[in-house]
Amino acid sequence: MATETSTPTREGAPPTFDCRQAFAETLLELAAQDLRIVAVCNDSVGSSNLTKFQSTFPDRVINVGIAEQNMVGVAAGLANGGFVPFVCSAAPFLTGRALEQIKADVAYNGYHVVLCGMSPGVSYGELGPTHHSIEDISWLRAIHDLAVVVPADPEQTGAAVRWAAASGIPSFLRIGRFKVPSVSQGRDSPFSYGRADVLRDGLDLAIVATGSMVSRALDAADRLSEQGLSARVINVSTIKPLDEATILAAAETGAIVTVEEGTAEGGLGAAVASLVVQHVPVPMRILGVPNFAPTGDPSFLLDHFGLNAEGIASAAVELRS
């Protein structure tokens, strides 16, 4: 898959990729094969990378304007009529403003709607907390019969879009804006619904990460190795349903650090803690955004909250000391 690359940020660093580009390319390819696929958006053709889709399939883009509740309601109606709608919107507005419609119109009815939350977390850093999407995973985890998927790289993004188009169930895909290195390149299957991937084995503790944090978790494991700590790194690309077997196996290392680009309350860390405490309780640290983030550059914000290799490694050392 040809995806946009960026210049490495430091000498020797791997190239990074835009997952939104992988999303757009895959959706375009699927739509050429399946006439049921349509895109529904809220005046977000550009920010959702739907420009080429719109020029290729002008009759298959429904732009409702800035009306998120209507956007999801229209998608539910289209699904009821046999279409496969991909709802594309900035994550904070899709999940926050249309939460009732996601629950009542889509999930309750079991409609095959693919909700695509673009640019989540603190991607829109300079626009402030109103545009940060740190609660979306927590909110949507609580809705029954709604899958929550967070790809970590472009390969996973493309595979997750293919899965969602064929799944027949309601799902939420969190499509990151941060350019990230590939973490699944060379793997036979970059994404399997409901399966977490052990990207690196380790015996002293486990780092459980999702989305944009996975590559940073791998970097943290390198740092820990230099300090004599062996860290297992697990990529959770399906947060709901959670791969319980892999998480419980991780608890056997004796300590778990979770890391996510979202609130520390109710997200990946809470899901892991809820499972572990009922079966094999171990010391845990849940790394995420602890409160409303200040306004600032997205990379600055992640560093501010310790959501980087140094912060993850530091939390792991503290947990094991």
C-alpha atoms as a PDB file:
ATOM      1  CA  MET A   1       0.000   0.000   0.000  1.00  0.00           C
ATOM      2  CA  ALA A   2       1.439   3.352  -1.015  1.00  0.00           C
ATOM      3  CA  THR A   3       1.170   5.745   1.868  1.00  0.00           C
ATOM      4  CA  GLU A   4       2.479   9.195   2.528  1.00  0.00           C
ATOM      5  CA  THR A   5       5.778   9.296   4.350  1.00  0.00           C
ATOM      6  CA  SER A   6       7.463  11.993   6.319  1.00  0.00           C
ATOM      7  CA  THR A   7      11.087  12.790   6.900  1.00  0.00           C
ATOM      8  CA  PRO A   8      12.420  11.001   9.975  1.00  0.00           C
ATOM      9  CA  THR A   9      12.593  13.365  12.931  1.00  0.00           C
ATOM     10  CA  ARG A  10      16.043  12.252  14.059  1.00  0.00           C
ATOM     11  CA  GLU A  11      19.013  10.548  12.482  1.00  0.00           C
ATOM     12  CA  GLY A  12      18.439   6.820  12.200  1.00  0.00           C
ATOM     13  CA  ALA A  13      14.768   7.058  13.068  1.00  0.00           C
ATOM     14  CA  PRO A  14      12.404   4.975  10.941  1.00  0.00           C
ATOM     15  CA  PRO A  15      10.149   6.693   8.400  1.00  0.00           C
ATOM     16  CA  THR A  16       6.684   7.582   9.595  1.00  0.00           C
ATOM     17  CA  PHE A  17       3.338   7.285   7.862  1.00  0.00           C
ATOM     18  CA  ASP A  18      -0.049   8.971   7.846  1.00  0.00           C
ATOM     19  CA  CYS A  19      -2.780   6.497   8.841  1.00  0.00           C
ATOM     20  CA  ARG A  20      -5.451   8.784   7.378  1.00  0.00           C
ATOM     21  CA  GLN A  21      -3.881   8.270   3.972  1.00  0.00           C
ATOM     22  CA  ALA A  22      -4.066   4.503   4.386  1.00  0.00           C
ATOM     23  CA  PHE A  23      -7.696   4.869   5.442  1.00  0.00           C
ATOM     24  CA  ALA A  24      -8.603   6.934   2.382  1.00  0.00           C
ATOM     25  CA  GLU A  25      -6.799   4.655  -0.076  1.00  0.00           C
ATOM     26  CA  THR A  26      -8.420   1.527   1.329  1.00  0.00           C
ATOM     27  CA  LEU A  27     -11.908   3.022   1.420  1.00  0.00           C
ATOM     28  CA  LEU A  28     -11.579   4.123  -2.194  1.00  0.00           C
ATOM     29  CA  GLU A  29     -10.476   0.650  -3.231  1.00  0.00           C
ATOM     30  CA  LEU A  30     -13.324  -1.036  -1.364  1.00  0.00           C
ATOM     31  CA  ALA A  31     -15.916   1.371  -2.754  1.00  0.00           C
ATOM     32  CA  ALA A  32     -14.842   0.502  -6.302  1.00  0.00           C
ATOM     33  CA  GLN A  33     -15.681  -3.121  -5.528  1.00  0.00           C
ATOM     34  CA  ASP A  34     -18.796  -2.657  -3.399  1.00  0.00           C
ATOM     35  CA  LEU A  35     -21.549  -0.291  -4.536  1.00  0.00           C
ATOM     36  CA  ARG A  36     -23.108  -0.374  -1.055  1.00  0.00           C
ATOM     37  CA  ILE A  37     -20.272   1.654   0.472  1.00  0.00           C
ATOM     38  CA  VAL A  38     -21.041   5.347   0.963  1.00  0.00           C
ATOM     39  CA  ALA A  39     -19.365   8.117   2.963  1.00  0.00           C
ATOM     40  CA  VAL A  40     -21.335  10.334   5.350  1.00  0.00           C
ATOM     41  CA  CYS A  41     -19.641  13.419   6.768  1.00  0.00           C
ATOM     42  CA  ASN A  42     -20.218  16.736   8.498  1.00  0.00           C
ATOM     43  CA  ASP A  43     -18.577  19.258   6.211  1.00  0.00           C
ATOM     44  CA  SER A  44     -15.345  17.327   6.718  1.00  0.00           C
ATOM     45  CA  VAL A  45     -14.428  16.086   3.249  1.00  0.00           C
ATOM     46  CA  GLY A  46     -10.946  17.583   3.449  1.00  0.00           C
ATOM     47  CA  SER A  47     -10.083  16.724   7.042  1.00  0.00           C
ATOM     48  CA  SER A  48     -11.355  13.166   6.534  1.00  0.00           C
ATOM     49  CA  ASN A  49      -9.255  12.716   3.374  1.00  0.00           C
ATOM     50  CA  LEU A  50     -12.406  12.142   1.307  1.00  0.00           C
ATOM     51  CA  THR A  51     -11.510  14.542  -1.514  1.00  0.00           C
ATOM     52  CA  LYS A  52     -10.550  11.796  -3.972  1.00  0.00           C
ATOM     53  CA  PHE A  53     -13.482   9.638  -2.866  1.00  0.00           C
ATOM     54  CA  GLN A  54     -15.830  12.544  -3.583  1.00  0.00           C
ATOM     55  CA  SER A  55     -14.335  13.208  -7.018  1.00  0.00           C
ATOM     56  CA  THR A  56     -14.477   9.498  -7.892  1.00  0.00           C
ATOM     57  CA  PHE A  57     -17.916   8.779  -6.438  1.00  0.00           C
ATOM     58  CA  PRO A  58     -19.702  12.155  -6.230  1.00  0.00           C
ATOM     59  CA  ASP A  59     -23.098  10.491  -5.732  1.00  0.00           C
ATOM     60  CA  ARG A  60     -21.844   8.419  -2.812  1.00  0.00           C
ATOM     61  CA  VAL A  61     -20.836  11.219  -0.428  1.00  0.00           C
ATOM     62  CA  ILE A  62     -23.585  12.542   1.841  1.00  0.00           C
ATOM     63  CA  ASN A  63     -22.449  15.787   3.438  1.00  0.00           C
ATOM     64  CA  VAL A  64     -25.006  16.807   6.062  1.00  0.00           C
ATOM     65  CA  GLY A  65     -23.130  19.950   7.111  1.00  0.00           C
ATOM     66  CA  ILE A  66     -22.216  20.649  10.721  1.00  0.00           C
ATOM     67  CA  ALA A  67     -24.984  18.468  12.138  1.00  0.00           C
ATOM     68  CA  GLU A  68     -23.398  15.447  13.800  1.00  0.00           C
ATOM     69  CA  GLN A  69     -26.585  13.971  15.270  1.00  0.00           C
ATOM     70  CA  ASN A  70     -28.215  14.053  11.842  1.00  0.00           C
ATOM     71  CA  MET A  71     -25.056  12.606  10.318  1.00  0.00           C
ATOM     72  CA  VAL A  72     -25.249   9.452  12.449  1.00  0.00           C
ATOM     73  CA  GLY A  73     -29.030   9.240  12.104  1.00  0.00           C
ATOM     74  CA  VAL A  74     -28.759   9.428   8.309  1.00  0.00           C
ATOM     75  CA  ALA A  75     -26.097   6.713   8.385  1.00  0.00           C
ATOM     76  CA  ALA A  76     -28.377   4.459  10.447  1.00  0.00           C
ATOM     77  CA  GLY A  77     -31.138   4.955   7.880  1.00  0.00           C
ATOM     78  CA  LEU A  78     -28.771   4.138   5.028  1.00  0.00           C
ATOM     79  CA  ALA A  79     -27.638   0.964   6.802  1.00  0.00           C
ATOM     80  CA  ASN A  80     -31.275  -0.021   7.296  1.00  0.00           C
ATOM     81  CA  GLY A  81     -31.680   0.382   3.534  1.00  0.00           C
ATOM     82  CA  GLY A  82     -28.801  -1.957   2.730  1.00  0.00           C
ATOM     83  CA  PHE A  83     -25.911   0.481   2.360  1.00  0.00           C
ATOM     84  CA  VAL A  84     -22.612   0.309   4.262  1.00  0.00           C
ATOM     85  CA  PRO A  85     -22.046   3.869   5.489  1.00  0.00           C
ATOM     86  CA  PHE A  86     -18.645   5.073   6.665  1.00  0.00           C
ATOM     87  CA  VAL A  87     -19.293   8.064   8.920  1.00  0.00           C
ATOM     88  CA  CYS A  88     -16.235  10.337   8.805  1.00  0.00           C
ATOM     89  CA  SER A  89     -15.764  13.206  11.236  1.00  0.00           C
ATOM     90  CA  ALA A  90     -13.312  14.694  13.676  1.00  0.00           C
ATOM     91  CA  ALA A  91     -13.409  12.323  16.650  1.00  0.00           C
ATOM     92  CA  PRO A  92     -14.485  14.823  19.353  1.00  0.00           C
ATOM     93  CA  PHE A  93     -17.584  15.881  17.436  1.00  0.00           C
ATOM     94  CA  LEU A  94     -18.569  12.458  16.134  1.00  0.00           C
ATOM     95  CA  THR A  95     -18.435  10.861  19.568  1.00  0.00           C
ATOM     96  CA  GLY A  96     -19.411  13.770  21.813  1.00  0.00           C
ATOM     97  CA  ARG A  97     -22.227  15.403  19.902  1.00  0.00           C
ATOM     98  CA  ALA A  98     -23.762  12.241  18.456  1.00  0.00           C
ATOM     99  CA  LEU A  99     -23.342   9.886  21.409  1.00  0.00           C
ATOM    100  CA  GLU A 100     -27.090   9.321  21.785  1.00  0.00           C
ATOM    101  CA  GLN A 101     -27.505   8.517  18.083  1.00  0.00           C
ATOM    102  CA  ILE A 102     -24.514   6.155  18.190  1.00  0.00           C
ATOM    103  CA  LYS A 103     -26.145   4.319  21.079  1.00  0.00           C
ATOM    104  CA  ALA A 104     -29.825   4.382  20.123  1.00  0.00           C
ATOM    105  CA  ASP A 105     -29.816   4.549  16.325  1.00  0.00           C
ATOM    106  CA  VAL A 106     -26.759   2.442  15.490  1.00  0.00           C
ATOM    107  CA  ALA A 107     -25.693   0.093  18.304  1.00  0.00           C
ATOM    108  CA  TYR A 108     -29.145  -0.701  19.703  1.00  0.00           C
ATOM    109  CA  ASN A 109     -30.356  -1.668  16.251  1.00  0.00           C
ATOM    110  CA  GLY A 110     -27.160  -3.489  15.381  1.00  0.00           C
ATOM    111  CA  TYR A 111     -26.775  -1.572  12.134  1.00  0.00           C
ATOM    112  CA  HIS A 112     -23.672  -2.054  10.041  1.00  0.00           C
ATOM    113  CA  VAL A 113     -22.361   1.505  10.370  1.00  0.00           C
ATOM    114  CA  VAL A 114     -18.634   2.222  10.482  1.00  0.00           C
ATOM    115  CA  LEU A 115     -17.953   5.264  12.669  1.00  0.00           C
ATOM    116  CA  CYS A 116     -14.581   6.773  11.767  1.00  0.00           C
ATOM    117  CA  GLY A 117     -13.209   9.144  14.399  1.00  0.00           C
ATOM    118  CA  MET A 118     -10.513  11.156  12.660  1.00  0.00           C
ATOM    119  CA  SER A 119      -7.656  12.983  14.410  1.00  0.00           C
ATOM    120  CA  PRO A 120      -8.371  11.757  17.965  1.00  0.00           C
ATOM    121  CA  GLY A 121      -6.538  12.356  21.199  1.00  0.00           C
ATOM    122  CA  VAL A 122      -4.676  15.663  21.315  1.00  0.00           C
ATOM    123  CA  SER A 123      -4.117  15.838  17.536  1.00  0.00           C
ATOM    124  CA  TYR A 124      -5.836  19.220  17.400  1.00  0.00           C
ATOM    125  CA  GLY A 125      -3.588  20.475  20.178  1.00  0.00           C
ATOM    126  CA  GLU A 126      -3.513  24.151  19.274  1.00  0.00           C
ATOM    127  CA  LEU A 127      -7.322  24.318  19.085  1.00  0.00           C
ATOM    128  CA  GLY A 128      -7.666  23.522  22.770  1.00  0.00           C
ATOM    129  CA  PRO A 129      -9.693  21.098  24.898  1.00  0.00           C
ATOM    130  CA  THR A 130     -12.913  21.607  22.907  1.00  0.00           C
ATOM    131  CA  HIS A 131     -11.172  19.956  19.954  1.00  0.00           C
ATOM    132  CA  HIS A 132      -9.241  17.330  21.901  1.00  0.00           C
ATOM    133  CA  SER A 133     -10.799  13.878  21.805  1.00  0.00           C
ATOM    134  CA  ILE A 134      -9.558  12.179  24.937  1.00  0.00           C
ATOM    135  CA  GLU A 135     -12.858  10.714  26.190  1.00  0.00           C
ATOM    136  CA  ASP A 136     -14.025   8.908  23.038  1.00  0.00           C
ATOM    137  CA  ILE A 137     -12.729   5.433  23.917  1.00  0.00           C
ATOM    138  CA  SER A 138     -14.219   5.645  27.410  1.00  0.00           C
ATOM    139  CA  TRP A 139     -17.627   6.731  26.128  1.00  0.00           C
ATOM    140  CA  LEU A 140     -17.869   4.153  23.376  1.00  0.00           C
ATOM    141  CA  ARG A 141     -16.566   1.264  25.471  1.00  0.00           C
ATOM    142  CA  ALA A 142     -19.676   1.655  27.576  1.00  0.00           C
ATOM    143  CA  ILE A 143     -22.067   1.112  24.663  1.00  0.00           C
ATOM    144  CA  HIS A 144     -23.099  -2.499  24.185  1.00  0.00           C
ATOM    145  CA  ASP A 145     -22.633  -4.230  20.848  1.00  0.00           C
ATOM    146  CA  LEU A 146     -20.248  -1.603  19.467  1.00  0.00           C
ATOM    147  CA  ALA A 147     -16.734  -2.677  18.489  1.00  0.00           C
ATOM    148  CA  VAL A 148     -13.924  -0.236  19.344  1.00  0.00           C
ATOM    149  CA  VAL A 149     -10.839  -0.500  17.121  1.00  0.00           C
ATOM    150  CA  VAL A 150      -7.670   1.623  17.317  1.00  0.00           C
ATOM    151  CA  PRO A 151      -5.086   0.812  14.619  1.00  0.00           C
ATOM    152  CA  ALA A 152      -1.448   1.524  15.420  1.00  0.00           C
ATOM    153  CA  ASP A 153       0.006   2.019  11.944  1.00  0.00           C
ATOM    154  CA  PRO A 154      -1.018   2.253   8.264  1.00  0.00           C
ATOM    155  CA  GLU A 155      -0.949  -1.514   7.694  1.00  0.00           C
ATOM    156  CA  GLN A 156      -3.325  -2.033  10.595  1.00  0.00           C
ATOM    157  CA  THR A 157      -5.472   0.880   9.449  1.00  0.00           C
ATOM    158  CA  GLY A 158      -5.970  -0.575   5.986  1.00  0.00           C
ATOM    159  CA  ALA A 159      -6.698  -4.037   7.355  1.00  0.00           C
ATOM    160  CA  ALA A 160      -9.117  -2.655   9.953  1.00  0.00           C
ATOM    161  CA  VAL A 161     -11.038  -0.731   7.280  1.00  0.00           C
ATOM    162  CA  ARG A 162     -11.362  -3.944   5.259  1.00  0.00           C
ATOM    163  CA  TRP A 163     -12.546  -5.821   8.313  1.00  0.00           C
ATOM    164  CA  ALA A 164     -15.087  -3.111   9.182  1.00  0.00           C
ATOM    165  CA  ALA A 165     -16.514  -3.065   5.655  1.00  0.00           C
ATOM    166  CA  ALA A 166     -17.123  -6.803   5.772  1.00  0.00           C
ATOM    167  CA  SER A 167     -18.007  -7.226   9.435  1.00  0.00           C
ATOM    168  CA  GLY A 168     -21.750  -6.617   9.337  1.00  0.00           C
ATOM    169  CA  ILE A 169     -21.653  -5.083  12.834  1.00  0.00           C
ATOM    170  CA  PRO A 170     -21.489  -1.509  14.191  1.00  0.00           C
ATOM    171  CA  SER A 171     -17.950  -0.376  14.863  1.00  0.00           C
ATOM    172  CA  PHE A 172     -15.837   2.635  15.785  1.00  0.00           C
ATOM    173  CA  LEU A 173     -12.456   3.096  14.110  1.00  0.00           C
ATOM    174  CA  ARG A 174     -10.110   5.621  15.706  1.00  0.00           C
ATOM    175  CA  ILE A 175      -7.906   6.955  12.888  1.00  0.00           C
ATOM    176  CA  GLY A 176      -4.854   8.743  14.261  1.00  0.00           C
ATOM    177  CA  ARG A 177      -3.403  11.969  12.908  1.00  0.00           C
ATOM    178  CA  PHE A 178       0.116  11.545  14.309  1.00  0.00           C
ATOM    179  CA  LYS A 179       2.498  10.143  11.745  1.00  0.00           C
ATOM    180  CA  VAL A 180       3.771   6.865  13.123  1.00  0.00           C
ATOM    181  CA  PRO A 181       6.346   4.240  12.128  1.00  0.00           C
ATOM    182  CA  SER A 182       5.198   0.825  11.034  1.00  0.00           C
ATOM    183  CA  VAL A 183       4.942  -1.624  13.921  1.00  0.00           C
ATOM    184  CA  SER A 184       3.363  -4.504  12.019  1.00  0.00           C
ATOM    185  CA  GLN A 185       5.378  -4.519   8.811  1.00  0.00           C
ATOM    186  CA  GLY A 186       6.278  -8.045   7.817  1.00  0.00           C
ATOM    187  CA  ARG A 187       3.589  -9.679   9.927  1.00  0.00           C
ATOM    188  CA  ASP A 188       1.380 -12.149   8.099  1.00  0.00           C
ATOM    189  CA  SER A 189      -1.783 -10.478   9.322  1.00  0.00           C
ATOM    190  CA  PRO A 190      -1.410  -6.881  10.507  1.00  0.00           C
ATOM    191  CA  PHE A 191      -4.881  -6.816  12.083  1.00  0.00           C
ATOM    192  CA  SER A 192      -7.159  -9.511  13.464  1.00  0.00           C
ATOM    193  CA  TYR A 193     -10.368  -8.371  15.116  1.00  0.00           C
ATOM    194  CA  GLY A 194     -10.351  -9.136  18.833  1.00  0.00           C
ATOM    195  CA  ARG A 195      -6.676 -10.097  18.927  1.00  0.00           C
ATOM    196  CA  ALA A 196      -3.862  -8.224  20.675  1.00  0.00           C
ATOM    197  CA  ASP A 197      -0.373  -8.640  19.273  1.00  0.00           C
ATOM    198  CA  VAL A 198       2.736  -9.321  21.332  1.00  0.00           C
ATOM    199  CA  LEU A 199       5.272  -7.230  19.443  1.00  0.00           C
ATOM    200  CA  ARG A 200       8.125  -7.908  21.822  1.00  0.00           C
ATOM    201  CA  ASP A 201       8.495 -10.535  24.499  1.00  0.00           C
ATOM    202  CA  GLY A 202       9.688  -9.766  28.008  1.00  0.00           C
ATOM    203  CA  LEU A 203       9.707 -11.200  31.499  1.00  0.00           C
ATOM    204  CA  ASP A 204       9.954  -8.303  33.962  1.00  0.00           C
ATOM    205  CA  LEU A 205       6.808  -6.338  33.087  1.00  0.00           C
ATOM    206  CA  ALA A 206       4.365  -5.726  30.259  1.00  0.00           C
ATOM    207  CA  ILE A 207       3.632  -2.473  28.443  1.00  0.00           C
ATOM    208  CA  VAL A 208       0.137  -2.536  26.959  1.00  0.00           C
ATOM    209  CA  ALA A 209      -0.390   0.226  24.408  1.00  0.00           C
ATOM    210  CA  THR A 210      -2.791   1.294  21.705  1.00  0.00           C
ATOM    211  CA  GLY A 211      -2.784   3.533  18.644  1.00  0.00           C
ATOM    212  CA  SER A 212      -0.107   6.200  18.429  1.00  0.00           C
ATOM    213  CA  MET A 213       1.439   4.996  21.691  1.00  0.00           C
ATOM    214  CA  VAL A 214       2.518   1.583  20.416  1.00  0.00           C
ATOM    215  CA  SER A 215       5.700   2.729  18.686  1.00  0.00           C
ATOM    216  CA  ARG A 216       6.551   4.804  21.749  1.00  0.00           C
ATOM    217  CA  ALA A 217       6.076   1.725  23.934  1.00  0.00           C
ATOM    218  CA  LEU A 218       8.570  -0.136  21.767  1.00  0.00           C
ATOM    219  CA  ASP A 219      11.048   2.721  22.151  1.00  0.00           C
ATOM    220  CA  ALA A 220      10.485   2.599  25.917  1.00  0.00           C
ATOM    221  CA  ALA A 221      11.232  -1.134  25.915  1.00  0.00           C
ATOM    222  CA  ASP A 222      14.576  -0.375  24.239  1.00  0.00           C
ATOM    223  CA  ARG A 223      15.392   2.093  26.996  1.00  0.00           C
ATOM    224  CA  LEU A 224      14.389  -0.397  29.672  1.00  0.00           C
ATOM    225  CA  SER A 225      16.567  -3.055  28.111  1.00  0.00           C
ATOM    226  CA  GLU A 226      19.562  -0.752  28.511  1.00  0.00           C
ATOM    227  CA  GLN A 227      18.689  -0.645  32.218  1.00  0.00           C
ATOM    228  CA  GLY A 228      18.442  -4.415  32.519  1.00  0.00           C
ATOM    229  CA  LEU A 229      14.643  -4.676  32.429  1.00  0.00           C
ATOM    230  CA  SER A 230      12.946  -7.005  29.968  1.00  0.00           C
ATOM    231  CA  ALA A 231       9.608  -5.515  28.866  1.00  0.00           C
ATOM    232  CA  ARG A 232       6.898  -7.289  26.914  1.00  0.00           C
ATOM    233  CA  VAL A 233       5.117  -4.921  24.509  1.00  0.00           C
ATOM    234  CA  ILE A 234       1.528  -5.608  23.507  1.00  0.00           C
ATOM    235  CA  ASN A 235      -0.405  -3.746  20.828  1.00  0.00           C
ATOM    236  CA  VAL A 236      -4.129  -3.665  21.632  1.00  0.00           C
ATOM    237  CA  SER A 237      -5.764  -2.649  18.364  1.00  0.00           C
ATOM    238  CA  THR A 238      -9.159  -4.005  19.402  1.00  0.00           C
ATOM    239  CA  ILE A 239     -10.058  -2.415  22.712  1.00  0.00           C
ATOM    240  CA  LYS A 240     -13.545  -3.893  22.649  1.00  0.00           C
ATOM    241  CA  PRO A 241     -13.797  -6.857  22.702  1.00  0.00           C
ATOM    242  CA  LEU A 242     -10.545  -7.109  24.635  1.00  0.00           C
ATOM    243  CA  ASP A 243      -8.179 -10.026  24.016  1.00  0.00           C
ATOM    244  CA  GLU A 244      -8.452 -11.336  27.563  1.00  0.00           C
ATOM    245  CA  ALA A 245      -6.101 -14.285  27.139  1.00  0.00           C
ATOM    246  CA  THR A 246      -3.180 -12.157  25.976  1.00  0.00           C
ATOM    247  CA  ILE A 247      -3.730  -9.581  28.729  1.00  0.00           C
ATOM    248  CA  LEU A 248      -3.981 -12.197  31.456  1.00  0.00           C
ATOM    249  CA  ALA A 249      -0.814 -13.827  30.136  1.00  0.00           C
ATOM    250  CA  ALA A 250       0.870 -10.417  30.355  1.00  0.00           C
ATOM    251  CA  ALA A 251      -0.061 -10.203  34.026  1.00  0.00           C
ATOM    252  CA  GLU A 252       2.206 -13.188  34.634  1.00  0.00           C
ATOM    253  CA  THR A 253       5.175 -10.815  34.193  1.00  0.00           C
ATOM    254  CA  GLY A 254       4.169  -9.316  37.543  1.00  0.00           C
ATOM    255  CA  ALA A 255       3.519  -5.697  36.501  1.00  0.00           C
ATOM    256  CA  ILE A 256       1.650  -3.836  33.779  1.00  0.00           C
ATOM    257  CA  VAL A 257       1.947  -0.327  32.395  1.00  0.00           C
ATOM    258  CA  THR A 258      -0.815   0.794  30.044  1.00  0.00           C
ATOM    259  CA  VAL A 259      -0.457   3.801  27.768  1.00  0.00           C
ATOM    260  CA  GLU A 260      -2.992   5.559  25.570  1.00  0.00           C
ATOM    261  CA  GLU A 261      -3.525   8.909  23.867  1.00  0.00           C
ATOM    262  CA  GLY A 262      -6.678   9.584  25.829  1.00  0.00           C
ATOM    263  CA  THR A 263      -8.036   9.997  29.303  1.00  0.00           C
ATOM    264  CA  ALA A 264      -6.680   7.667  31.951  1.00  0.00           C
ATOM    265  CA  GLU A 265     -10.247   7.099  33.166  1.00  0.00           C
ATOM    266  CA  GLY A 266     -12.367   4.537  31.407  1.00  0.00           C
ATOM    267  CA  GLY A 267     -10.146   3.771  28.442  1.00  0.00           C
ATOM    268  CA  LEU A 268      -7.654   1.014  27.658  1.00  0.00           C
ATOM    269  CA  GLY A 269      -6.090   1.167  31.120  1.00  0.00           C
ATOM    270  CA  ALA A 270      -9.451   0.789  32.830  1.00  0.00           C
ATOM    271  CA  ALA A 271     -10.354  -2.150  30.601  1.00  0.00           C
ATOM    272  CA  VAL A 272      -7.095  -3.915  31.405  1.00  0.00           C
ATOM    273  CA  ALA A 273      -7.348  -3.145  35.137  1.00  0.00           C
ATOM    274  CA  SER A 274     -10.930  -4.400  35.324  1.00  0.00           C
ATOM    275  CA  LEU A 275      -9.891  -7.705  33.802  1.00  0.00           C
ATOM    276  CA  VAL A 276      -6.664  -8.199  35.712  1.00  0.00           C
ATOM    277  CA  VAL A 277      -8.047  -7.354  39.148  1.00  0.00           C
ATOM    278  CA  GLN A 278     -10.655 -10.097  38.822  1.00  0.00           C
ATOM    279  CA  HIS A 279      -8.203 -12.822  37.848  1.00  0.00           C
ATOM    280  CA  VAL A 280      -4.505 -12.137  38.517  1.00  0.00           C
ATOM    281  CA  PRO A 281      -4.094  -8.798  40.343  1.00  0.00           C
ATOM    282  CA  VAL A 282      -0.686  -7.198  39.743  1.00  0.00           C
ATOM    283  CA  PRO A 283       0.696  -3.674  40.276  1.00  0.00           C
ATOM    284  CA  MET A 284      -0.310  -1.355  37.429  1.00  0.00           C
ATOM    285  CA  ARG A 285       0.319   2.137  36.163  1.00  0.00           C
ATOM    286  CA  ILE A 286      -2.226   3.695  33.799  1.00  0.00           C
ATOM    287  CA  LEU A 287      -0.657   6.381  31.609  1.00  0.00           C
ATOM    288  CA  GLY A 288      -2.904   8.761  29.733  1.00  0.00           C
ATOM    289  CA  VAL A 289      -4.183  12.327  29.804  1.00  0.00           C
ATOM    290  CA  PRO A 290      -5.071  13.021  33.457  1.00  0.00           C
ATOM    291  CA  ASN A 291      -7.235  16.099  32.932  1.00  0.00           C
ATOM    292  CA  PHE A 292      -8.162  18.709  30.332  1.00  0.00           C
ATOM    293  CA  ALA A 293      -5.025  19.283  28.309  1.00  0.00           C
ATOM    294  CA  PRO A 294      -3.705  22.803  27.853  1.00  0.00           C
ATOM    295  CA  THR A 295      -3.594  24.380  24.420  1.00  0.00           C
ATOM    296  CA  GLY A 296      -0.395  23.640  22.543  1.00  0.00           C
ATOM    297  CA  ASP A 297       1.460  21.727  19.898  1.00  0.00           C
ATOM    298  CA  PRO A 298       0.373  18.043  19.927  1.00  0.00           C
ATOM    299  CA  SER A 299       3.902  16.718  20.399  1.00  0.00           C
ATOM    300  CA  PHE A 300       4.444  19.146  23.257  1.00  0.00           C
ATOM    301  CA  LEU A 301       1.263  17.912  24.921  1.00  0.00           C
ATOM    302  CA  LEU A 302       2.293  14.255  24.731  1.00  0.00           C
ATOM    303  CA  ASP A 303       5.671  15.136  26.252  1.00  0.00           C
ATOM    304  CA  HIS A 304       3.902  17.287  28.869  1.00  0.00           C
ATOM    305  CA  PHE A 305       1.937  14.255  30.059  1.00  0.00           C
ATOM    306  CA  GLY A 306       4.850  11.829  29.827  1.00  0.00           C
ATOM    307  CA  LEU A 307       3.324   9.993  26.889  1.00  0.00           C
ATOM    308  CA  ASN A 308       6.692   9.363  25.283  1.00  0.00           C
ATOM    309  CA  ALA A 309       9.400   6.730  25.510  1.00  0.00           C
ATOM    310  CA  GLU A 310      11.096   8.440  28.423  1.00  0.00           C
ATOM    311  CA  GLY A 311       7.863   8.807  30.401  1.00  0.00           C
ATOM    312  CA  ILE A 312       6.752   5.239  29.774  1.00  0.00           C
ATOM    313  CA  ALA A 313      10.155   3.845  30.739  1.00  0.00           C
ATOM    314  CA  SER A 314      10.251   6.001  33.864  1.00  0.00           C
ATOM    315  CA  ALA A 315       6.825   4.734  34.962  1.00  0.00           C
ATOM    316  CA  ALA A 316       7.930   1.159  34.377  1.00  0.00           C
ATOM    317  CA  VAL A 317      11.091   1.562  36.435  1.00  0.00           C
ATOM    318  CA  GLU A 318       9.138   3.177  39.257  1.00  0.00           C
ATOM    319  CA  LEU A 319       6.604   0.361  39.186  1.00  0.00           C
ATOM    320  CA  ARG A 320       9.274  -2.328  39.412  1.00  0.00           C
ATOM    321  CA  SER A 321      11.366  -0.617  42.084  1.00  0.00           C
END
